[in-house]
Amino acid sequence: MSSSADLEQLAEIELQKEEGSCFTDGPSAPPVSTPSLDPSHPYYDVARHGIIQVSGDDHYGRKLIVFSSCCLPPSHQLNHRRLLEYLKFTLDQYVEMDYILVYFHYGLRSSNKPSLKWLREAYSEFDRKYKKNLKALYVVHPTNFIRIVWNLFKPLISHKFGRKLTYVNYLAELREHLNYEQLFIPPEVLRHDEELRATQKGGPPPSVKTPPPRPPLPTQQFGVSLQYIREKNREAVIPPVMTQTVTYLKEKGLRTEGLFRRSARVQLIKEVQKLYNLGKPVNFEQIGDVHVPAVILKTFLRELPEPLLTFRVYSQVQELLHVESSLRVTRCKQIVESLPEHNFIVAKYLLCFLHQVSQESIINKMSPSNLACVFGVNLVWPRHGSISLTALTPINIFAELLIEHVHTVFGSRCPPAQVMP
């Protein structure tokens, strides 16, 4: 059996081989641009490189955190101890809820890789608090280096943690697991994936495009517009999924600790979605898990073709950081009052409910701030591309203000068709 030192040496040799075959196209691309990052950020020296990004949620409401090796600068330009602290600082905002890690391996070189000693320290410092709610670790474009390092770490890694690891050879495979359109993927990684697919068995690259969607069923609830749902449900102003999940959660879930932070069994969520889409009844009482309707509500919002608060408000929300703190509630009110009437009514219904959840935060631990971390990206997202880590801050502030000051923000506009939870 190979000793630890032998494996370390073998890993280094493999990495150098990979560099020789993969990085022949000149210097690496410039770091990811993070124009809205405040220089006063406590980890500005690390965060400015864009190594770590939070990219919305996966299909089942679990936060996506991305680590991109190609964004690592040369080791002499980065304090790796600070990198570890920044990774923990980022994860600390999300580890109380279920989350997913995506690691893009392409771009790791001898010149920018952290040492194996650093990796051991990182693994030992990520105690149960970080590991228990990590639901999956996707390693994209794995190489022999990765497999050797994994063998090196096997004695330290529990069997339970090992089952969370999935190797992903091509980006297209991620579509099966994640909301691919929300995922932050560096241009270098996209180019590398294209090259890999082009050389696959010497043939043309397989298509990564999704097949054209089928026409929605008349009973469809997920992935169709608010207007479609209203037309097919006898002009019901609030979509049935929302009324049923909110009604159940108001009765059974308000005092559940970590409500909206936990995921549920993936297969069960798929089954409930299918029932809704077929127009069949869903009995949450029979299911008996309060986290199922919570995940269904988040999933419904996330799968709307246009966000509940519309694409148009995204740029206005991003500018919220430039508004004086004392004027932000007024600005939120202006943004919300500009929504189309139907969106306004549905948003008011949802935010009033979330305000009620926050009123029980002493017991359920879901303050307006915690709810904003969960719901912000499900209410607002850009028309094109993913949400960067820096873009999350104004989104979360906006969502927190809506939840905390819901009566001020929504109070002066009362459409005749409005419904309250």
Protein backbone atom coordinates (compact mmCIF):
# COMPACT_ATOMS: atom_id res chain seq x y z
CA MET A 1 0.00 0.00 0.00
CA SER A 2 1.36 3.45 -0.91
CA SER A 3 2.46 5.68 1.92
CA SER A 4 0.98 9.14 2.42
CA ALA A 5 4.20 10.75 1.19
CA ASP A 6 4.20 8.60 -1.96
CA LEU A 7 0.61 9.56 -2.73
CA GLU A 8 1.37 13.24 -2.21
CA GLN A 9 4.29 13.02 -4.63
CA LEU A 10 2.14 11.11 -7.14
CA ALA A 11 -0.58 13.76 -6.88
CA GLU A 12 1.94 16.51 -7.60
CA ILE A 13 3.28 14.62 -10.64
CA GLU A 14 -0.26 14.12 -11.96
CA LEU A 15 -1.06 17.81 -11.53
CA GLN A 16 2.07 18.80 -13.47
CA LYS A 17 1.11 16.37 -16.26
CA GLU A 18 -2.37 17.90 -16.40
CA GLU A 19 -0.88 21.38 -16.60
CA GLY A 20 1.21 20.29 -19.56
CA SER A 21 -1.80 19.02 -21.47
CA CYS A 22 -4.47 21.51 -20.40
CA PHE A 23 -2.85 24.89 -19.95
CA THR A 24 -1.00 25.44 -23.18
CA ASP A 25 -3.12 28.40 -24.27
CA GLY A 26 -1.19 31.15 -22.53
CA PRO A 27 -1.83 32.88 -19.21
CA SER A 28 -5.01 32.35 -17.26
CA ALA A 29 -8.00 34.58 -17.66
CA PRO A 30 -8.29 37.65 -15.43
CA PRO A 31 -10.13 37.22 -12.15
CA VAL A 32 -13.91 37.32 -12.11
CA SER A 33 -15.10 40.88 -11.95
CA THR A 34 -16.85 41.82 -8.71
CA PRO A 35 -17.63 45.52 -9.28
CA SER A 36 -20.17 45.84 -6.49
CA LEU A 37 -17.85 44.41 -3.83
CA ASP A 38 -17.29 46.97 -1.11
CA PRO A 39 -13.55 47.46 -0.36
CA SER A 40 -14.52 47.55 3.34
CA HIS A 41 -15.67 43.90 3.09
CA PRO A 42 -13.87 42.02 5.91
CA TYR A 43 -12.40 39.58 3.37
CA TYR A 44 -12.05 41.91 0.41
CA ASP A 45 -8.49 40.64 -0.29
CA VAL A 46 -9.92 37.16 -0.97
CA ALA A 47 -13.49 37.89 -2.10
CA ARG A 48 -12.37 40.15 -4.96
CA HIS A 49 -11.05 37.12 -6.88
CA GLY A 50 -14.52 35.54 -7.16
CA ILE A 51 -13.26 32.11 -6.02
CA ILE A 52 -16.43 31.46 -4.01
CA GLN A 53 -19.92 32.28 -5.28
CA VAL A 54 -23.43 31.62 -4.00
CA SER A 55 -25.60 30.68 -7.01
CA GLY A 56 -29.20 30.52 -5.88
CA ASP A 57 -30.79 27.15 -5.06
CA ASP A 58 -30.97 23.70 -6.60
CA HIS A 59 -34.26 22.12 -7.73
CA TYR A 60 -35.22 21.35 -4.13
CA GLY A 61 -34.47 24.63 -2.39
CA ARG A 62 -30.93 23.86 -1.24
CA LYS A 63 -28.44 26.72 -1.45
CA LEU A 64 -25.73 26.35 -4.13
CA ILE A 65 -22.18 27.35 -3.19
CA VAL A 66 -19.54 27.26 -5.93
CA PHE A 67 -15.73 27.05 -5.57
CA SER A 68 -13.83 27.75 -8.82
CA SER A 69 -10.16 26.72 -8.94
CA CYS A 70 -9.53 28.77 -12.09
CA CYS A 71 -10.15 31.95 -10.05
CA LEU A 72 -7.36 31.15 -7.58
CA PRO A 73 -4.46 33.57 -8.13
CA PRO A 74 -0.85 32.37 -7.78
CA SER A 75 -0.18 31.23 -4.21
CA HIS A 76 2.17 34.11 -3.44
CA GLN A 77 -0.70 36.53 -4.13
CA LEU A 78 -3.20 34.87 -1.80
CA ASN A 79 -3.09 34.02 1.89
CA HIS A 80 -4.60 30.55 1.96
CA ARG A 81 -5.35 30.83 5.67
CA ARG A 82 -7.50 33.85 4.81
CA LEU A 83 -9.12 31.82 2.01
CA LEU A 84 -10.13 29.17 4.54
CA GLU A 85 -11.51 31.82 6.90
CA TYR A 86 -13.47 33.40 4.04
CA LEU A 87 -14.90 30.03 3.02
CA LYS A 88 -16.09 29.49 6.60
CA PHE A 89 -17.40 33.07 6.75
CA THR A 90 -19.49 32.40 3.61
CA LEU A 91 -20.70 28.99 4.74
CA ASP A 92 -21.64 30.33 8.18
CA GLN A 93 -24.44 32.29 6.51
CA TYR A 94 -25.96 29.11 5.07
CA VAL A 95 -24.92 26.02 7.07
CA GLU A 96 -28.03 26.12 9.24
CA MET A 97 -29.99 25.23 6.10
CA ASP A 98 -29.37 22.41 3.64
CA TYR A 99 -26.79 23.33 1.00
CA ILE A 100 -24.85 21.96 -1.97
CA LEU A 101 -21.18 22.49 -2.89
CA VAL A 102 -20.03 22.57 -6.51
CA TYR A 103 -16.27 22.41 -7.04
CA PHE A 104 -14.91 23.34 -10.49
CA HIS A 105 -11.52 21.65 -10.61
CA TYR A 106 -10.34 23.02 -13.95
CA GLY A 107 -7.72 25.73 -13.48
CA LEU A 108 -5.88 24.23 -10.51
CA ARG A 109 -2.16 24.48 -11.13
CA SER A 110 1.02 23.89 -9.18
CA SER A 111 1.38 27.66 -8.97
CA ASN A 112 -2.02 28.36 -7.38
CA LYS A 113 -3.00 25.20 -5.52
CA PRO A 114 -3.25 25.22 -1.74
CA SER A 115 -1.02 22.65 -0.07
CA LEU A 116 -2.30 19.25 0.98
CA LYS A 117 -1.57 20.34 4.56
CA TRP A 118 -4.05 23.19 3.98
CA LEU A 119 -6.63 20.69 2.69
CA ARG A 120 -6.21 18.57 5.84
CA GLU A 121 -6.63 21.65 8.03
CA ALA A 122 -9.71 22.67 6.06
CA TYR A 123 -11.32 19.25 6.43
CA SER A 124 -10.58 19.10 10.16
CA GLU A 125 -11.94 22.63 10.74
CA PHE A 126 -15.17 21.86 8.90
CA ASP A 127 -16.76 20.17 11.86
CA ARG A 128 -20.24 18.63 12.10
CA LYS A 129 -21.87 22.07 11.91
CA TYR A 130 -20.71 22.34 8.29
CA LYS A 131 -20.99 18.70 7.29
CA LYS A 132 -24.42 17.72 8.61
CA ASN A 133 -26.42 19.98 6.25
CA LEU A 134 -24.15 19.50 3.23
CA LYS A 135 -26.36 17.34 1.03
CA ALA A 136 -24.07 16.87 -1.99
CA LEU A 137 -20.58 17.73 -3.21
CA TYR A 138 -20.22 17.83 -7.01
CA VAL A 139 -16.66 17.67 -8.33
CA VAL A 140 -16.75 18.90 -11.93
CA HIS A 141 -14.11 17.79 -14.48
CA PRO A 142 -12.26 15.45 -12.08
CA THR A 143 -8.77 14.28 -13.03
CA ASN A 144 -6.31 11.70 -11.72
CA PHE A 145 -5.03 14.35 -9.30
CA ILE A 146 -8.48 14.50 -7.66
CA ARG A 147 -8.74 10.71 -7.39
CA ILE A 148 -5.29 10.42 -5.83
CA VAL A 149 -6.05 13.16 -3.32
CA TRP A 150 -9.34 11.43 -2.49
CA ASN A 151 -7.44 8.20 -1.75
CA LEU A 152 -5.02 10.18 0.38
CA PHE A 153 -7.90 11.54 2.45
CA LYS A 154 -9.93 8.34 2.65
CA PRO A 155 -8.71 7.43 6.16
CA LEU A 156 -10.01 10.80 7.42
CA ILE A 157 -13.36 10.83 5.58
CA SER A 158 -16.41 9.15 7.03
CA HIS A 159 -18.41 6.75 4.89
CA LYS A 160 -21.46 8.99 5.28
CA PHE A 161 -19.58 12.03 3.94
CA GLY A 162 -18.09 9.94 1.12
CA ARG A 163 -21.58 9.10 -0.15
CA LYS A 164 -22.24 12.80 -0.75
CA LEU A 165 -19.50 13.03 -3.40
CA THR A 166 -20.46 12.90 -7.08
CA TYR A 167 -17.97 13.20 -9.95
CA VAL A 168 -19.33 15.20 -12.90
CA ASN A 169 -17.40 14.75 -16.16
CA TYR A 170 -19.34 17.26 -18.28
CA LEU A 171 -21.35 20.34 -17.36
CA ALA A 172 -24.45 18.94 -19.07
CA GLU A 173 -24.67 16.30 -16.33
CA LEU A 174 -25.28 19.03 -13.75
CA ARG A 175 -28.67 19.78 -15.33
CA GLU A 176 -29.98 16.57 -13.79
CA HIS A 177 -29.23 17.86 -10.29
CA LEU A 178 -29.21 21.65 -10.25
CA ASN A 179 -30.89 24.77 -11.55
CA TYR A 180 -28.21 25.05 -14.23
CA GLU A 181 -29.28 28.50 -15.44
CA GLN A 182 -28.66 29.97 -11.98
CA LEU A 183 -25.26 28.34 -11.61
CA PHE A 184 -22.23 30.64 -11.73
CA ILE A 185 -19.76 29.03 -14.19
CA PRO A 186 -16.51 30.86 -15.05
CA PRO A 187 -15.87 31.33 -18.81
CA GLU A 188 -12.66 29.27 -18.54
CA VAL A 189 -14.64 26.28 -17.26
CA LEU A 190 -17.21 26.63 -20.06
CA ARG A 191 -14.41 26.67 -22.69
CA HIS A 192 -12.73 23.66 -21.12
CA ASP A 193 -16.01 21.73 -21.15
CA GLU A 194 -16.51 22.49 -24.84
CA GLU A 195 -13.00 21.22 -25.61
CA LEU A 196 -13.58 18.03 -23.61
CA ARG A 197 -16.84 17.31 -25.41
CA ALA A 198 -15.25 18.05 -28.79
CA THR A 199 -12.56 15.41 -28.19
CA GLN A 200 -14.94 12.84 -26.70
CA LYS A 201 -14.33 9.65 -28.70
CA GLY A 202 -13.16 11.86 -31.55
CA GLY A 203 -16.73 12.74 -32.42
CA PRO A 204 -18.76 15.94 -32.33
CA PRO A 205 -19.68 17.30 -28.91
CA PRO A 206 -23.02 16.10 -27.56
CA SER A 207 -25.67 18.78 -27.36
CA VAL A 208 -26.09 20.42 -23.95
CA LYS A 209 -29.37 22.04 -24.96
CA THR A 210 -32.47 20.84 -23.24
CA PRO A 211 -35.17 19.39 -25.51
CA PRO A 212 -38.02 21.74 -26.44
CA PRO A 213 -40.60 21.81 -23.64
CA ARG A 214 -43.90 20.02 -24.08
CA PRO A 215 -47.03 22.17 -24.05
CA PRO A 216 -48.15 22.51 -20.42
CA LEU A 217 -51.12 20.56 -19.15
CA PRO A 218 -54.28 22.57 -18.37
CA THR A 219 -53.73 21.57 -14.73
CA GLN A 220 -50.02 22.52 -14.73
CA GLN A 221 -48.84 24.43 -11.65
CA PHE A 222 -45.04 24.35 -11.84
CA GLY A 223 -43.00 26.07 -14.54
CA VAL A 224 -45.90 28.10 -15.97
CA SER A 225 -46.80 31.78 -15.56
CA LEU A 226 -49.10 33.24 -12.92
CA GLN A 227 -51.41 34.32 -15.71
CA TYR A 228 -51.62 30.75 -17.10
CA ILE A 229 -52.45 29.35 -13.66
CA ARG A 230 -55.12 32.01 -13.12
CA GLU A 231 -56.77 31.35 -16.49
CA LYS A 232 -56.85 27.57 -15.91
CA ASN A 233 -58.10 27.79 -12.32
CA ARG A 234 -61.35 29.74 -12.68
CA GLU A 235 -59.62 33.09 -12.24
CA ALA A 236 -58.21 32.14 -8.81
CA VAL A 237 -56.03 35.11 -7.89
CA ILE A 238 -53.65 33.14 -5.67
CA PRO A 239 -52.22 29.96 -7.27
CA PRO A 240 -53.60 26.79 -5.60
CA VAL A 241 -50.09 25.61 -4.66
CA MET A 242 -49.56 28.79 -2.66
CA THR A 243 -52.94 28.79 -0.90
CA GLN A 244 -52.65 25.13 0.06
CA THR A 245 -49.04 25.25 1.30
CA VAL A 246 -49.53 28.56 3.15
CA THR A 247 -52.78 27.39 4.77
CA TYR A 248 -51.15 24.16 5.97
CA LEU A 249 -47.98 25.91 7.19
CA LYS A 250 -49.98 28.57 9.07
CA GLU A 251 -51.79 25.82 10.92
CA LYS A 252 -48.95 23.34 11.47
CA GLY A 253 -45.60 24.98 10.79
CA LEU A 254 -45.28 28.43 12.33
CA ARG A 255 -43.55 27.10 15.42
CA THR A 256 -41.28 24.63 13.58
CA GLU A 257 -37.62 25.47 14.15
CA GLY A 258 -35.77 26.07 10.88
CA LEU A 259 -38.92 26.25 8.76
CA PHE A 260 -37.87 26.79 5.09
CA ARG A 261 -34.25 25.96 5.92
CA ARG A 262 -34.59 22.21 5.61
CA SER A 263 -34.98 20.16 2.46
CA ALA A 264 -37.21 17.11 2.10
CA ARG A 265 -36.84 13.77 0.38
CA VAL A 266 -36.24 14.52 -3.31
CA GLN A 267 -38.45 11.71 -4.58
CA LEU A 268 -41.32 12.86 -2.36
CA ILE A 269 -41.05 16.43 -3.68
CA LYS A 270 -41.15 15.11 -7.26
CA GLU A 271 -44.25 13.07 -6.46
CA VAL A 272 -46.06 16.07 -4.91
CA GLN A 273 -45.16 18.25 -7.91
CA LYS A 274 -46.51 15.57 -10.25
CA LEU A 275 -49.79 15.41 -8.32
CA TYR A 276 -50.20 19.18 -8.58
CA ASN A 277 -49.36 19.22 -12.29
CA LEU A 278 -51.94 16.49 -12.94
CA GLY A 279 -54.58 18.37 -10.99
CA LYS A 280 -54.80 15.66 -8.33
CA PRO A 281 -55.32 16.40 -4.61
CA VAL A 282 -52.32 16.69 -2.27
CA ASN A 283 -52.82 15.73 1.37
CA PHE A 284 -50.05 17.31 3.45
CA GLU A 285 -51.70 15.99 6.61
CA GLN A 286 -51.15 12.47 5.35
CA ILE A 287 -47.55 13.19 4.34
CA GLY A 288 -46.93 14.39 7.89
CA ASP A 289 -43.71 16.34 7.23
CA VAL A 290 -44.05 20.10 7.54
CA HIS A 291 -40.87 20.63 5.49
CA VAL A 292 -42.53 19.16 2.37
CA PRO A 293 -45.04 22.02 1.84
CA ALA A 294 -42.26 24.48 2.77
CA VAL A 295 -40.03 23.10 -0.01
CA ILE A 296 -42.98 22.93 -2.43
CA LEU A 297 -43.72 26.64 -1.87
CA LYS A 298 -40.08 27.62 -2.54
CA THR A 299 -39.93 25.32 -5.57
CA PHE A 300 -43.11 26.82 -7.01
CA LEU A 301 -41.66 30.35 -6.77
CA ARG A 302 -38.32 29.30 -8.21
CA GLU A 303 -39.87 27.56 -11.22
CA LEU A 304 -41.96 30.54 -12.33
CA PRO A 305 -40.79 31.56 -15.84
CA GLU A 306 -40.53 35.14 -14.55
CA PRO A 307 -39.85 35.89 -10.88
CA LEU A 308 -42.84 36.88 -8.75
CA LEU A 309 -41.47 40.42 -8.45
CA THR A 310 -40.70 40.49 -12.22
CA PHE A 311 -37.40 40.88 -14.10
CA ARG A 312 -37.86 44.63 -14.28
CA VAL A 313 -37.19 45.26 -10.59
CA TYR A 314 -33.84 43.43 -10.51
CA SER A 315 -31.73 46.48 -11.40
CA GLN A 316 -33.72 48.64 -8.97
CA VAL A 317 -33.06 46.16 -6.17
CA GLN A 318 -29.33 46.13 -6.99
CA GLU A 319 -29.26 49.91 -6.53
CA LEU A 320 -30.75 49.66 -3.04
CA LEU A 321 -27.29 49.71 -1.45
CA HIS A 322 -26.84 53.25 -2.76
CA VAL A 323 -30.00 54.43 -0.99
CA GLU A 324 -29.60 55.90 2.50
CA SER A 325 -30.67 53.36 5.13
CA SER A 326 -33.45 55.57 6.49
CA LEU A 327 -35.03 55.83 3.02
CA ARG A 328 -34.83 52.17 2.00
CA VAL A 329 -38.32 51.16 3.20
CA THR A 330 -39.80 54.02 1.15
CA ARG A 331 -37.79 52.90 -1.87
CA CYS A 332 -39.00 49.30 -1.42
CA LYS A 333 -42.57 50.62 -1.30
CA GLN A 334 -42.04 52.46 -4.60
CA ILE A 335 -40.59 49.34 -6.25
CA VAL A 336 -43.41 47.08 -5.05
CA GLU A 337 -46.18 49.55 -5.96
CA SER A 338 -44.91 49.58 -9.55
CA LEU A 339 -45.64 45.84 -9.95
CA PRO A 340 -48.47 44.63 -12.22
CA GLU A 341 -51.63 44.19 -10.15
CA HIS A 342 -51.67 40.38 -10.20
CA ASN A 343 -48.00 40.14 -9.14
CA PHE A 344 -48.64 42.72 -6.42
CA ILE A 345 -51.60 40.74 -4.99
CA VAL A 346 -49.70 37.42 -4.96
CA ALA A 347 -46.56 39.06 -3.52
CA LYS A 348 -48.60 40.76 -0.78
CA TYR A 349 -50.22 37.42 0.13
CA LEU A 350 -46.82 35.68 0.34
CA LEU A 351 -45.00 38.46 2.21
CA CYS A 352 -47.79 38.84 4.75
CA PHE A 353 -47.46 35.12 5.45
CA LEU A 354 -43.67 35.36 5.79
CA HIS A 355 -44.17 38.26 8.20
CA GLN A 356 -46.38 35.96 10.29
CA VAL A 357 -43.61 33.33 10.24
CA SER A 358 -41.11 35.93 11.45
CA GLN A 359 -43.42 36.88 14.33
CA GLU A 360 -42.71 33.42 15.79
CA SER A 361 -38.92 33.71 15.35
CA ILE A 362 -38.19 33.23 19.07
CA ILE A 363 -39.40 29.65 18.59
CA ASN A 364 -38.85 28.91 14.88
CA LYS A 365 -35.55 30.86 14.60
CA MET A 366 -36.73 32.37 11.31
CA SER A 367 -36.23 36.12 11.67
CA PRO A 368 -36.87 38.46 8.71
CA SER A 369 -33.14 38.27 7.98
CA ASN A 370 -33.11 34.45 7.97
CA LEU A 371 -36.24 34.28 5.82
CA ALA A 372 -34.70 36.80 3.41
CA CYS A 373 -31.66 34.53 2.93
CA VAL A 374 -34.03 31.74 1.90
CA PHE A 375 -36.60 33.67 -0.15
CA GLY A 376 -34.63 36.57 -1.66
CA VAL A 377 -33.32 34.62 -4.65
CA ASN A 378 -36.75 33.05 -5.15
CA LEU A 379 -38.42 36.45 -5.49
CA VAL A 380 -35.93 38.32 -7.68
CA TRP A 381 -33.38 37.16 -10.24
CA PRO A 382 -31.87 38.61 -13.43
CA ARG A 383 -33.27 37.90 -16.89
CA HIS A 384 -29.89 36.52 -18.02
CA GLY A 385 -27.07 34.84 -16.13
CA SER A 386 -26.74 33.83 -12.51
CA ILE A 387 -26.72 35.82 -9.27
CA SER A 388 -23.21 36.51 -8.02
CA LEU A 389 -22.29 36.47 -4.34
CA THR A 390 -22.05 40.27 -4.29
CA ALA A 391 -25.48 40.66 -5.96
CA LEU A 392 -27.04 38.64 -3.13
CA THR A 393 -26.51 41.36 -0.53
CA PRO A 394 -28.98 43.91 -1.94
CA ILE A 395 -31.46 41.11 -2.77
CA ASN A 396 -31.39 39.86 0.82
CA ILE A 397 -31.68 43.39 2.23
CA PHE A 398 -34.66 44.04 -0.06
CA ALA A 399 -36.41 40.79 0.95
CA GLU A 400 -35.75 41.46 4.64
CA LEU A 401 -37.30 44.93 4.42
CA LEU A 402 -40.36 43.54 2.61
CA ILE A 403 -40.89 40.92 5.32
CA GLU A 404 -40.21 43.17 8.30
CA HIS A 405 -42.15 46.22 7.02
CA VAL A 406 -44.81 44.40 5.00
CA HIS A 407 -47.70 46.58 6.20
CA THR A 408 -45.87 49.80 5.31
CA VAL A 409 -44.60 48.52 1.96
CA PHE A 410 -47.85 46.95 0.78
CA GLY A 411 -50.40 48.82 2.91
CA SER A 412 -51.39 51.81 0.77
CA ARG A 413 -52.30 49.78 -2.33
CA CYS A 414 -55.36 47.58 -1.79
CA PRO A 415 -56.63 46.10 -5.08
CA PRO A 416 -60.26 44.93 -4.93
CA ALA A 417 -59.22 41.34 -5.75
CA GLN A 418 -56.57 41.09 -3.03
CA VAL A 419 -56.48 38.01 -0.76
CA MET A 420 -54.83 37.85 2.64
CA PRO A 421 -53.36 34.68 4.20
